[in-house]
């Protein structure tokens, strides 16, 4: 009976912690999207704001931040480790120097209708007698360009 009760109890605690992290990452994605809606935003500004607005314990200070326009085209990605990329692939990011990066969706010559920011980070749910279950916690936010 004790293993079953501990499985249940630790499961509730771990899912509560994961939910708290999800709420924090929601906040970071909203802040990043709010900044991306401005015409002078850069990928570094957006990713920094997204990480700062999220609780550091939720993102581990190293989340993946994807910025896209209203057509769904990726405008830029901040990969874990701090590398910037113009594609959604972070396995081997084609390094993009932030100084050379274009303005984000709302600052282009033909601005997008809205900007979307997705913040995602890995998390391990650890439950005794069940093991470690890796999950990805992510959140998406959209703001209309100003």
N, C-alpha and C. Protein backbone atom coordinates (compact mmCIF):
# COMPACT_ATOMS: atom_id res chain seq x y z
N UNK A 1 0.81 -1.20 0.00
CA UNK A 1 0.00 0.00 0.00
C UNK A 1 0.87 1.28 0.00
N UNK A 2 2.01 1.25 0.70
CA UNK A 2 2.89 2.42 0.79
C UNK A 2 3.42 2.82 -0.59
N UNK A 3 3.88 1.89 -1.43
CA UNK A 3 4.34 2.31 -2.76
C UNK A 3 3.25 2.99 -3.59
N UNK A 4 2.05 2.49 -3.49
CA UNK A 4 0.94 3.08 -4.24
C UNK A 4 0.63 4.49 -3.73
N UNK A 5 0.62 4.67 -2.42
CA UNK A 5 0.36 5.99 -1.85
C UNK A 5 1.48 6.98 -2.19
N UNK A 6 2.74 6.53 -2.11
CA UNK A 6 3.85 7.44 -2.43
C UNK A 6 3.84 7.79 -3.92
N UNK A 7 3.49 6.83 -4.78
CA UNK A 7 3.37 7.10 -6.21
C UNK A 7 2.32 8.17 -6.44
N UNK A 8 1.19 8.04 -5.80
CA UNK A 8 0.10 8.99 -5.94
C UNK A 8 0.49 10.37 -5.39
N UNK A 9 1.07 10.40 -4.20
CA UNK A 9 1.45 11.66 -3.57
C UNK A 9 2.52 12.40 -4.36
N UNK A 10 3.59 11.70 -4.72
CA UNK A 10 4.66 12.36 -5.48
C UNK A 10 4.19 12.75 -6.88
N UNK A 11 3.27 11.98 -7.44
CA UNK A 11 2.70 12.34 -8.74
C UNK A 11 1.96 13.67 -8.68
N UNK A 12 1.16 13.84 -7.63
CA UNK A 12 0.44 15.11 -7.45
C UNK A 12 1.42 16.27 -7.29
N UNK A 13 2.45 16.08 -6.48
CA UNK A 13 3.43 17.14 -6.25
C UNK A 13 4.16 17.48 -7.54
N UNK A 14 4.63 16.49 -8.28
CA UNK A 14 5.39 16.75 -9.51
C UNK A 14 4.54 17.42 -10.59
N UNK A 15 3.29 17.00 -10.72
CA UNK A 15 2.44 17.64 -11.71
C UNK A 15 2.08 19.07 -11.28
N UNK A 16 2.01 19.32 -9.99
CA UNK A 16 1.82 20.69 -9.50
C UNK A 16 2.99 21.57 -9.83
N UNK A 17 4.20 21.03 -9.66
CA UNK A 17 5.41 21.79 -10.01
C UNK A 17 5.45 22.05 -11.52
N UNK A 18 5.09 21.06 -12.32
CA UNK A 18 5.08 21.23 -13.78
C UNK A 18 4.04 22.28 -14.18
N UNK A 19 2.90 22.30 -13.51
CA UNK A 19 1.87 23.30 -13.82
C UNK A 19 2.37 24.71 -13.47
N UNK A 20 3.07 24.84 -12.35
CA UNK A 20 3.64 26.13 -11.97
C UNK A 20 4.65 26.60 -13.02
N UNK A 21 5.48 25.70 -13.51
CA UNK A 21 6.45 26.04 -14.56
C UNK A 21 5.73 26.46 -15.84
N UNK A 22 4.64 25.77 -16.16
CA UNK A 22 3.85 26.11 -17.35
C UNK A 22 3.31 27.54 -17.24
N UNK A 23 2.80 27.91 -16.09
CA UNK A 23 2.27 29.26 -15.90
C UNK A 23 3.36 30.31 -16.03
N UNK A 24 4.54 30.01 -15.51
CA UNK A 24 5.65 30.94 -15.61
C UNK A 24 6.09 31.11 -17.06
N UNK A 25 6.14 30.02 -17.80
CA UNK A 25 6.54 30.08 -19.21
C UNK A 25 5.47 30.80 -20.03
N UNK A 26 4.19 30.65 -19.66
CA UNK A 26 3.12 31.43 -20.31
C UNK A 26 3.39 32.92 -20.18
N UNK A 27 3.78 33.34 -19.00
CA UNK A 27 4.08 34.74 -18.75
C UNK A 27 5.24 35.21 -19.62
N UNK A 28 6.28 34.40 -19.73
CA UNK A 28 7.43 34.75 -20.56
C UNK A 28 7.07 34.86 -22.03
N UNK A 29 6.24 33.95 -22.52
CA UNK A 29 5.83 33.99 -23.92
C UNK A 29 4.99 35.24 -24.21
N UNK A 30 4.10 35.59 -23.29
CA UNK A 30 3.29 36.80 -23.47
C UNK A 30 4.16 38.06 -23.50
N UNK A 31 5.12 38.14 -22.58
CA UNK A 31 6.02 39.31 -22.56
C UNK A 31 6.85 39.39 -23.84
N UNK A 32 7.35 38.24 -24.29
CA UNK A 32 8.13 38.22 -25.53
C UNK A 32 7.30 38.63 -26.73
N UNK A 33 6.06 38.14 -26.81
CA UNK A 33 5.18 38.49 -27.93
C UNK A 33 4.80 39.96 -27.88
N UNK A 34 4.61 40.49 -26.69
CA UNK A 34 4.30 41.92 -26.56
C UNK A 34 5.44 42.77 -27.10
N UNK A 35 6.67 42.37 -26.80
CA UNK A 35 7.83 43.09 -27.31
C UNK A 35 7.99 42.87 -28.82
N UNK A 36 7.71 41.66 -29.29
CA UNK A 36 7.85 41.36 -30.72
C UNK A 36 6.85 42.16 -31.56
N UNK A 37 5.77 42.62 -30.95
CA UNK A 37 4.77 43.41 -31.68
C UNK A 37 5.25 44.82 -31.99
N UNK A 38 6.36 45.23 -31.40
CA UNK A 38 6.91 46.55 -31.68
C UNK A 38 7.82 46.47 -32.90
N UNK A 39 7.90 47.53 -33.67
CA UNK A 39 8.64 47.47 -34.93
C UNK A 39 10.15 47.52 -34.79
N UNK A 40 10.67 47.85 -33.62
CA UNK A 40 12.12 47.94 -33.46
C UNK A 40 12.72 46.76 -32.69
N UNK A 41 11.95 45.71 -32.49
CA UNK A 41 12.42 44.57 -31.69
C UNK A 41 13.39 43.70 -32.47
N UNK A 42 14.37 43.17 -31.75
CA UNK A 42 15.30 42.20 -32.33
C UNK A 42 15.13 40.87 -31.60
N UNK A 43 15.68 39.84 -32.17
CA UNK A 43 15.58 38.51 -31.56
C UNK A 43 16.22 38.48 -30.18
N UNK A 44 17.33 39.16 -30.01
CA UNK A 44 17.98 39.19 -28.70
C UNK A 44 17.09 39.86 -27.66
N UNK A 45 16.44 40.97 -28.03
CA UNK A 45 15.53 41.66 -27.11
C UNK A 45 14.37 40.75 -26.71
N UNK A 46 13.78 40.11 -27.70
CA UNK A 46 12.61 39.27 -27.46
C UNK A 46 12.96 38.07 -26.59
N UNK A 47 14.07 37.39 -26.91
CA UNK A 47 14.44 36.21 -26.13
C UNK A 47 14.85 36.59 -24.72
N UNK A 48 15.55 37.72 -24.56
CA UNK A 48 15.94 38.17 -23.22
C UNK A 48 14.72 38.48 -22.38
N UNK A 49 13.75 39.18 -22.95
CA UNK A 49 12.52 39.53 -22.23
C UNK A 49 11.73 38.27 -21.88
N UNK A 50 11.67 37.32 -22.79
CA UNK A 50 10.94 36.07 -22.52
C UNK A 50 11.55 35.31 -21.36
N UNK A 51 12.88 35.24 -21.32
CA UNK A 51 13.56 34.53 -20.25
C UNK A 51 13.42 35.27 -18.93
N UNK A 52 13.55 36.59 -18.96
CA UNK A 52 13.45 37.38 -17.73
C UNK A 52 12.04 37.33 -17.15
N UNK A 53 11.03 37.34 -18.01
CA UNK A 53 9.65 37.34 -17.53
C UNK A 53 9.25 35.97 -16.99
N UNK A 54 9.90 34.92 -17.47
CA UNK A 54 9.67 33.58 -16.93
C UNK A 54 10.51 33.45 -15.66
N UNK A 55 10.02 32.68 -14.74
CA UNK A 55 10.80 32.39 -13.54
C UNK A 55 12.02 31.58 -13.98
N UNK A 56 13.20 31.94 -13.51
CA UNK A 56 14.43 31.24 -13.91
C UNK A 56 14.38 29.76 -13.57
N UNK A 57 13.68 29.40 -12.50
CA UNK A 57 13.58 27.97 -12.16
C UNK A 57 12.70 27.22 -13.16
N UNK A 58 11.82 27.94 -13.86
CA UNK A 58 10.96 27.29 -14.84
C UNK A 58 11.68 27.03 -16.15
N UNK A 59 12.48 27.99 -16.59
CA UNK A 59 13.13 27.85 -17.89
C UNK A 59 14.55 27.34 -17.79
N UNK A 60 15.12 27.38 -16.60
CA UNK A 60 16.51 26.99 -16.46
C UNK A 60 17.44 27.98 -17.13
N UNK A 61 16.96 29.20 -17.41
CA UNK A 61 17.72 30.25 -18.08
C UNK A 61 18.18 29.86 -19.48
N UNK A 62 17.66 28.79 -20.03
CA UNK A 62 18.11 28.35 -21.35
C UNK A 62 16.97 27.76 -22.18
N UNK A 63 15.86 28.49 -22.35
CA UNK A 63 14.78 27.94 -23.15
C UNK A 63 14.99 28.16 -24.64
N UNK A 64 14.22 27.50 -25.44
CA UNK A 64 14.19 27.75 -26.87
C UNK A 64 13.08 28.77 -27.11
N UNK A 65 13.40 29.83 -27.83
CA UNK A 65 12.44 30.89 -28.12
C UNK A 65 12.32 31.00 -29.64
N UNK A 66 11.11 30.78 -30.16
CA UNK A 66 10.85 30.84 -31.60
C UNK A 66 9.96 32.03 -31.88
N UNK A 67 10.36 32.89 -32.81
CA UNK A 67 9.56 34.05 -33.21
C UNK A 67 9.14 33.84 -34.66
N UNK A 68 7.84 33.96 -34.91
CA UNK A 68 7.35 33.78 -36.28
C UNK A 68 6.36 34.88 -36.63
N UNK A 69 6.05 34.98 -37.93
CA UNK A 69 5.12 36.00 -38.39
C UNK A 69 3.74 35.40 -38.63
N UNK A 70 2.82 36.20 -39.17
CA UNK A 70 1.44 35.74 -39.33
C UNK A 70 1.29 34.65 -40.38
N UNK A 71 2.26 34.48 -41.26
CA UNK A 71 2.19 33.39 -42.24
C UNK A 71 2.72 32.08 -41.67
N UNK A 72 3.28 32.14 -40.47
CA UNK A 72 3.86 30.95 -39.84
C UNK A 72 5.33 30.78 -40.14
N UNK A 73 5.89 31.67 -40.95
CA UNK A 73 7.32 31.59 -41.28
C UNK A 73 8.15 32.00 -40.07
N UNK A 74 9.17 31.23 -39.79
CA UNK A 74 10.04 31.52 -38.65
C UNK A 74 10.91 32.73 -38.97
N UNK A 75 10.85 33.73 -38.07
CA UNK A 75 11.66 34.93 -38.25
C UNK A 75 13.00 34.78 -37.57
N UNK A 76 13.05 33.99 -36.50
CA UNK A 76 14.29 33.78 -35.78
C UNK A 76 14.08 32.87 -34.59
N UNK A 77 15.15 32.20 -34.18
CA UNK A 77 15.09 31.26 -33.06
C UNK A 77 16.30 31.49 -32.17
N UNK A 78 16.05 31.52 -30.88
CA UNK A 78 17.15 31.49 -29.91
C UNK A 78 17.18 30.06 -29.39
N UNK A 79 18.24 29.35 -29.71
CA UNK A 79 18.37 27.95 -29.32
C UNK A 79 18.95 27.84 -27.92
N UNK A 80 18.71 26.71 -27.24
CA UNK A 80 19.39 26.50 -25.96
C UNK A 80 20.90 26.60 -26.15
N UNK A 81 21.55 27.25 -25.24
CA UNK A 81 22.98 27.48 -25.37
C UNK A 81 23.29 28.88 -25.87
N UNK A 82 22.26 29.61 -26.33
CA UNK A 82 22.43 30.99 -26.73
C UNK A 82 22.67 31.23 -28.20
N UNK A 83 22.71 30.17 -29.02
CA UNK A 83 22.92 30.37 -30.46
C UNK A 83 21.63 30.87 -31.10
N UNK A 84 21.76 31.72 -32.10
CA UNK A 84 20.61 32.22 -32.85
C UNK A 84 20.56 31.54 -34.20
N UNK A 85 19.35 31.31 -34.69
CA UNK A 85 19.18 30.62 -35.96
C UNK A 85 18.01 31.24 -36.72
N UNK A 86 18.02 31.09 -38.03
CA UNK A 86 16.90 31.55 -38.85
C UNK A 86 15.94 30.41 -39.18
N UNK A 87 16.25 29.20 -38.72
CA UNK A 87 15.35 28.07 -38.93
C UNK A 87 14.93 27.52 -37.58
N UNK A 88 13.91 26.69 -37.57
CA UNK A 88 13.39 26.13 -36.32
C UNK A 88 14.22 24.94 -35.84
N UNK A 89 15.31 24.63 -36.53
CA UNK A 89 16.14 23.49 -36.16
C UNK A 89 17.29 23.94 -35.29
N UNK A 90 17.37 23.38 -34.08
CA UNK A 90 18.45 23.75 -33.17
C UNK A 90 19.49 22.64 -33.04
N UNK A 91 19.32 21.53 -33.76
CA UNK A 91 20.28 20.43 -33.66
C UNK A 91 21.66 20.91 -34.07
N UNK A 92 21.74 21.59 -35.19
CA UNK A 92 23.00 22.21 -35.62
C UNK A 92 22.63 23.57 -36.21
N UNK A 93 22.41 24.56 -35.33
CA UNK A 93 21.92 25.84 -35.83
C UNK A 93 22.91 26.52 -36.76
N UNK A 94 22.36 27.03 -37.86
CA UNK A 94 23.17 27.85 -38.75
C UNK A 94 23.31 29.19 -38.03
N UNK A 95 24.47 29.41 -37.48
CA UNK A 95 24.67 30.57 -36.61
C UNK A 95 24.33 31.87 -37.33
N UNK A 96 23.56 32.68 -36.67
CA UNK A 96 23.19 33.99 -37.18
C UNK A 96 23.67 35.00 -36.16
N UNK A 97 24.52 35.88 -36.59
CA UNK A 97 24.98 36.94 -35.71
C UNK A 97 23.81 37.88 -35.48
N UNK A 98 23.47 38.12 -34.22
CA UNK A 98 22.32 38.96 -33.91
C UNK A 98 22.44 40.34 -34.53
N UNK A 99 23.65 40.88 -34.64
CA UNK A 99 23.83 42.20 -35.24
C UNK A 99 23.43 42.20 -36.71
N UNK A 100 23.53 41.04 -37.37
CA UNK A 100 23.19 40.94 -38.79
C UNK A 100 21.74 40.51 -39.01
N UNK A 101 21.05 40.12 -37.95
CA UNK A 101 19.68 39.61 -38.10
C UNK A 101 18.72 40.73 -38.50
N UNK A 102 17.74 40.37 -39.30
CA UNK A 102 16.71 41.32 -39.69
C UNK A 102 15.85 41.66 -38.48
N UNK A 103 15.11 42.74 -38.60
CA UNK A 103 14.14 43.04 -37.56
C UNK A 103 13.08 41.95 -37.55
N UNK A 104 12.45 41.78 -36.45
CA UNK A 104 11.44 40.74 -36.30
C UNK A 104 10.18 41.09 -37.10
N UNK A 105 9.15 40.24 -37.09
CA UNK A 105 8.02 40.35 -38.02
C UNK A 105 7.40 41.74 -38.18
N UNK A 106 7.31 42.50 -37.12
CA UNK A 106 6.61 43.79 -37.18
C UNK A 106 7.49 44.94 -37.66
N UNK A 107 8.80 44.74 -37.77
CA UNK A 107 9.69 45.82 -38.16
C UNK A 107 10.19 45.73 -39.59
N UNK A 108 9.67 44.83 -40.36
CA UNK A 108 10.12 44.66 -41.74
C UNK A 108 9.54 45.75 -42.64
N UNK A 109 10.06 45.82 -43.88
CA UNK A 109 9.54 46.78 -44.85
C UNK A 109 8.05 46.52 -45.11
N UNK A 110 7.67 45.24 -45.17
CA UNK A 110 6.26 44.85 -45.28
C UNK A 110 5.92 44.08 -44.00
N UNK A 111 5.50 44.81 -42.95
CA UNK A 111 5.30 44.15 -41.66
C UNK A 111 4.20 43.09 -41.68
N UNK A 112 4.35 42.13 -40.80
CA UNK A 112 3.38 41.06 -40.63
C UNK A 112 2.16 41.62 -39.89
N UNK A 113 1.06 40.89 -39.91
CA UNK A 113 -0.14 41.30 -39.18
C UNK A 113 0.04 41.11 -37.68
N UNK A 114 0.74 40.05 -37.32
CA UNK A 114 1.00 39.80 -35.90
C UNK A 114 2.28 39.01 -35.72
N UNK A 115 2.77 39.00 -34.49
CA UNK A 115 3.99 38.27 -34.14
C UNK A 115 3.62 37.17 -33.16
N UNK A 116 4.24 36.01 -33.33
CA UNK A 116 4.02 34.88 -32.45
C UNK A 116 5.33 34.49 -31.80
N UNK A 117 5.29 34.24 -30.50
CA UNK A 117 6.47 33.80 -29.76
C UNK A 117 6.13 32.50 -29.06
N UNK A 118 7.00 31.50 -29.23
CA UNK A 118 6.86 30.21 -28.56
C UNK A 118 8.09 30.00 -27.69
N UNK A 119 7.85 29.76 -26.41
CA UNK A 119 8.93 29.49 -25.46
C UNK A 119 8.78 28.03 -25.03
N UNK A 120 9.85 27.26 -25.12
CA UNK A 120 9.78 25.86 -24.69
C UNK A 120 11.05 25.46 -23.95
N UNK A 121 10.89 24.57 -22.99
CA UNK A 121 12.01 24.10 -22.19
C UNK A 121 11.75 22.66 -21.75
N UNK A 122 12.78 21.85 -21.65
CA UNK A 122 12.58 20.47 -21.18
C UNK A 122 12.41 20.43 -19.66
N UNK A 123 11.69 19.43 -19.20
CA UNK A 123 11.50 19.23 -17.76
C UNK A 123 11.38 17.73 -17.51
N UNK A 124 11.97 17.27 -16.41
CA UNK A 124 11.90 15.85 -16.03
C UNK A 124 10.96 15.69 -14.85
N UNK A 125 9.89 14.93 -15.05
CA UNK A 125 8.97 14.60 -13.96
C UNK A 125 9.52 13.34 -13.30
N UNK A 126 9.87 13.44 -12.01
CA UNK A 126 10.46 12.33 -11.28
C UNK A 126 9.48 11.84 -10.22
N UNK A 127 9.06 10.60 -10.36
CA UNK A 127 8.12 9.99 -9.42
C UNK A 127 8.72 8.67 -8.95
N UNK A 128 8.85 8.48 -7.62
CA UNK A 128 9.38 7.20 -7.10
C UNK A 128 8.55 6.02 -7.60
N UNK A 129 9.21 4.94 -7.89
CA UNK A 129 8.62 3.70 -8.40
C UNK A 129 8.08 3.84 -9.82
N UNK A 130 8.17 5.02 -10.40
CA UNK A 130 7.68 5.23 -11.76
C UNK A 130 8.83 5.64 -12.67
N UNK A 131 9.81 6.32 -12.08
CA UNK A 131 10.98 6.73 -12.85
C UNK A 131 10.92 8.18 -13.27
N UNK A 132 11.78 8.52 -14.21
CA UNK A 132 11.87 9.88 -14.73
C UNK A 132 11.18 9.93 -16.08
N UNK A 133 10.26 10.88 -16.23
CA UNK A 133 9.54 11.06 -17.48
C UNK A 133 9.89 12.43 -18.05
N UNK A 134 10.69 12.48 -19.12
CA UNK A 134 11.03 13.78 -19.71
C UNK A 134 9.85 14.33 -20.51
N UNK A 135 9.54 15.61 -20.31
CA UNK A 135 8.49 16.29 -21.06
C UNK A 135 9.04 17.64 -21.51
N UNK A 136 8.36 18.23 -22.48
CA UNK A 136 8.69 19.58 -22.91
C UNK A 136 7.54 20.48 -22.54
N UNK A 137 7.85 21.50 -21.77
CA UNK A 137 6.83 22.48 -21.40
C UNK A 137 6.98 23.66 -22.34
N UNK A 138 5.89 24.02 -23.02
CA UNK A 138 5.97 25.15 -23.94
C UNK A 138 4.71 25.99 -23.88
N UNK A 139 4.84 27.19 -24.40
CA UNK A 139 3.73 28.13 -24.43
C UNK A 139 3.86 29.01 -25.66
N UNK A 140 2.73 29.38 -26.22
CA UNK A 140 2.69 30.23 -27.41
C UNK A 140 1.84 31.46 -27.12
N UNK A 141 2.32 32.61 -27.57
CA UNK A 141 1.56 33.85 -27.42
C UNK A 141 1.64 34.64 -28.71
N UNK A 142 0.56 35.36 -29.00
CA UNK A 142 0.47 36.15 -30.23
C UNK A 142 0.01 37.56 -29.91
N UNK A 143 0.63 38.54 -30.54
CA UNK A 143 0.22 39.93 -30.40
C UNK A 143 0.14 40.55 -31.78
N UNK A 144 -0.81 41.41 -31.98
CA UNK A 144 -0.95 42.13 -33.23
C UNK A 144 0.13 43.20 -33.32
N UNK A 145 0.71 43.38 -34.49
CA UNK A 145 1.76 44.38 -34.68
C UNK A 145 1.20 45.78 -34.47
N UNK A 146 1.99 46.61 -33.81
CA UNK A 146 1.57 47.99 -33.54
C UNK A 146 2.21 48.94 -34.52
